[in-house]
Amino acid sequence: MNQIKLFTVEEANAVLPEIIPLMATLLEKRAKVMVQRQGMGSILNDLHVDVGGPALNELVKEFEAIERLIDTVQAFGCLVKDINVGLLDFPAELYGQQVLLCWRYGEESVAHYHGIHEGFNGRSPIN
């Protein structure tokens, strides 16, 4: 059974320099996939069409790259919560409670948290 790593605020902030470039690449690839997907129009929605070719192969490769990036980021012990905005949670104990330290791509540091059953909207600043 895998034990979940609990981060301190300092530990979460210490891994950010390694995670930030990975998240930047992840967000770039996600944006690229969305553009490629839109360019394929309704072909992907038609279950009766036998889709193939270089465009679809490239799309599949991008999805695979996204999955690898998510795995790489999560190997640090954090949780990728939303690849649309680059949202991560770090399991932690804060103020005597289990919480999730919350960071969003573009923020300078991990400076917020929320309860384990709350989401981004429930986050509070770390005092």
Protein backbone atom coordinates (compact mmCIF):
# COMPACT_ATOMS: atom_id res chain seq x y z
CA MET A 1 0.00 0.00 0.00
CA ASN A 2 1.39 3.42 -0.97
CA GLN A 3 1.64 6.00 1.75
CA ILE A 4 0.57 9.50 0.77
CA LYS A 5 3.28 12.08 1.28
CA LEU A 6 2.20 14.98 3.43
CA PHE A 7 3.88 18.24 2.49
CA THR A 8 4.78 21.18 4.61
CA VAL A 9 4.28 24.57 2.97
CA GLU A 10 8.06 24.84 2.68
CA GLU A 11 8.35 21.42 0.98
CA ALA A 12 5.60 22.26 -1.50
CA ASN A 13 7.28 25.54 -2.35
CA ALA A 14 10.65 23.82 -2.66
CA VAL A 15 9.43 21.54 -5.50
CA LEU A 16 7.73 24.35 -7.43
CA PRO A 17 10.88 25.28 -9.42
CA GLU A 18 10.89 21.74 -10.84
CA ILE A 19 7.13 21.57 -11.34
CA ILE A 20 6.56 24.99 -12.95
CA PRO A 21 8.30 24.16 -16.28
CA LEU A 22 6.44 20.84 -16.43
CA MET A 23 3.13 22.62 -15.87
CA ALA A 24 4.02 25.18 -18.55
CA THR A 25 4.61 22.38 -21.04
CA LEU A 26 1.43 20.63 -19.93
CA LEU A 27 -0.65 23.77 -20.48
CA GLU A 28 0.97 24.35 -23.89
CA LYS A 29 0.24 20.78 -24.99
CA ARG A 30 -3.34 21.03 -23.72
CA ALA A 31 -3.85 24.21 -25.74
CA LYS A 32 -2.33 22.57 -28.82
CA VAL A 33 -4.63 19.56 -28.48
CA MET A 34 -7.68 21.82 -28.19
CA VAL A 35 -6.72 23.62 -31.42
CA GLN A 36 -6.03 20.32 -33.21
CA ARG A 37 -9.32 18.90 -31.96
CA GLN A 38 -11.28 21.90 -33.23
CA GLY A 39 -9.56 21.63 -36.60
CA MET A 40 -10.88 18.12 -37.03
CA GLY A 41 -14.44 19.36 -36.91
CA SER A 42 -17.19 16.81 -36.57
CA ILE A 43 -15.10 13.89 -37.85
CA LEU A 44 -14.27 12.76 -34.31
CA ASN A 45 -17.93 12.94 -33.28
CA ASP A 46 -19.14 10.65 -36.08
CA LEU A 47 -18.91 7.06 -34.82
CA HIS A 48 -19.47 5.71 -38.33
CA VAL A 49 -16.34 7.27 -39.80
CA ASP A 50 -13.12 5.24 -39.82
CA VAL A 51 -10.74 7.98 -38.70
CA GLY A 52 -7.00 7.73 -39.20
CA GLY A 53 -4.09 9.43 -40.78
CA PRO A 54 -1.37 11.79 -39.66
CA ALA A 55 -3.60 14.39 -37.97
CA LEU A 56 -5.22 11.84 -35.68
CA ASN A 57 -1.89 10.15 -35.00
CA GLU A 58 -0.44 13.51 -33.94
CA LEU A 59 -3.43 14.13 -31.68
CA VAL A 60 -2.99 10.74 -30.02
CA LYS A 61 0.73 11.45 -29.49
CA GLU A 62 -0.12 14.76 -27.83
CA PHE A 63 -2.62 13.05 -25.50
CA GLU A 64 0.04 10.50 -24.59
CA ALA A 65 2.52 13.30 -23.89
CA ILE A 66 -0.05 15.00 -21.66
CA GLU A 67 -0.56 11.76 -19.71
CA ARG A 68 3.21 11.37 -19.25
CA LEU A 69 3.50 14.95 -18.02
CA ILE A 70 0.69 14.44 -15.53
CA ASP A 71 2.41 11.28 -14.26
CA THR A 72 5.73 13.13 -13.97
CA VAL A 73 4.18 15.99 -12.00
CA GLN A 74 2.27 13.62 -9.72
CA ALA A 75 5.46 11.64 -9.06
CA PHE A 76 6.48 14.57 -6.84
CA GLY A 77 3.56 13.62 -4.56
CA CYS A 78 1.13 16.34 -5.58
CA LEU A 79 -2.19 15.93 -7.37
CA VAL A 80 -2.96 17.47 -10.76
CA LYS A 81 -6.50 18.75 -10.30
CA ASP A 82 -7.16 20.79 -13.45
CA ILE A 83 -5.05 20.95 -16.61
CA ASN A 84 -7.16 23.80 -17.98
CA VAL A 85 -5.67 26.28 -15.51
CA GLY A 86 -2.73 24.31 -14.10
CA LEU A 87 -4.18 23.57 -10.67
CA LEU A 88 -2.27 21.38 -8.19
CA ASP A 89 -2.98 20.18 -4.67
CA PHE A 90 -0.38 19.03 -2.16
CA PRO A 91 -1.67 16.79 0.65
CA ALA A 92 -0.72 18.33 4.00
CA GLU A 93 -1.54 18.69 7.64
CA LEU A 94 -2.17 22.27 8.63
CA TYR A 95 -3.62 23.64 11.84
CA GLY A 96 -4.07 20.07 13.08
CA GLN A 97 -6.23 19.01 10.11
CA GLN A 98 -5.60 17.16 6.88
CA VAL A 99 -5.87 19.70 4.07
CA LEU A 100 -4.74 20.25 0.51
CA LEU A 101 -2.24 23.01 -0.15
CA CYS A 102 -3.48 24.63 -3.34
CA TRP A 103 -1.38 26.16 -6.13
CA ARG A 104 -2.37 27.45 -9.56
CA TYR A 105 0.01 27.99 -12.44
CA GLY A 106 1.14 31.60 -12.44
CA GLU A 107 1.14 31.98 -8.66
CA GLU A 108 4.56 32.67 -7.16
CA SER A 109 4.21 30.21 -4.31
CA VAL A 110 1.92 27.82 -2.52
CA ALA A 111 0.01 30.29 -0.38
CA HIS A 112 -3.50 28.78 -0.10
CA TYR A 113 -5.16 25.64 1.20
CA HIS A 114 -8.59 24.05 1.35
CA GLY A 115 -10.22 21.13 3.09
CA ILE A 116 -9.92 17.70 1.51
CA HIS A 117 -13.59 17.75 0.53
CA GLU A 118 -13.56 21.31 -0.75
CA GLY A 119 -12.29 22.59 -4.05
CA PHE A 120 -10.57 25.65 -5.41
CA ASN A 121 -13.53 27.89 -4.49
CA GLY A 122 -13.13 26.90 -0.82
CA ARG A 123 -9.47 27.83 -0.57
CA SER A 124 -8.14 30.16 2.09
CA PRO A 125 -4.81 31.94 2.49
CA ILE A 126 -2.18 30.26 4.63
CA ASN A 127 -1.45 32.50 7.62
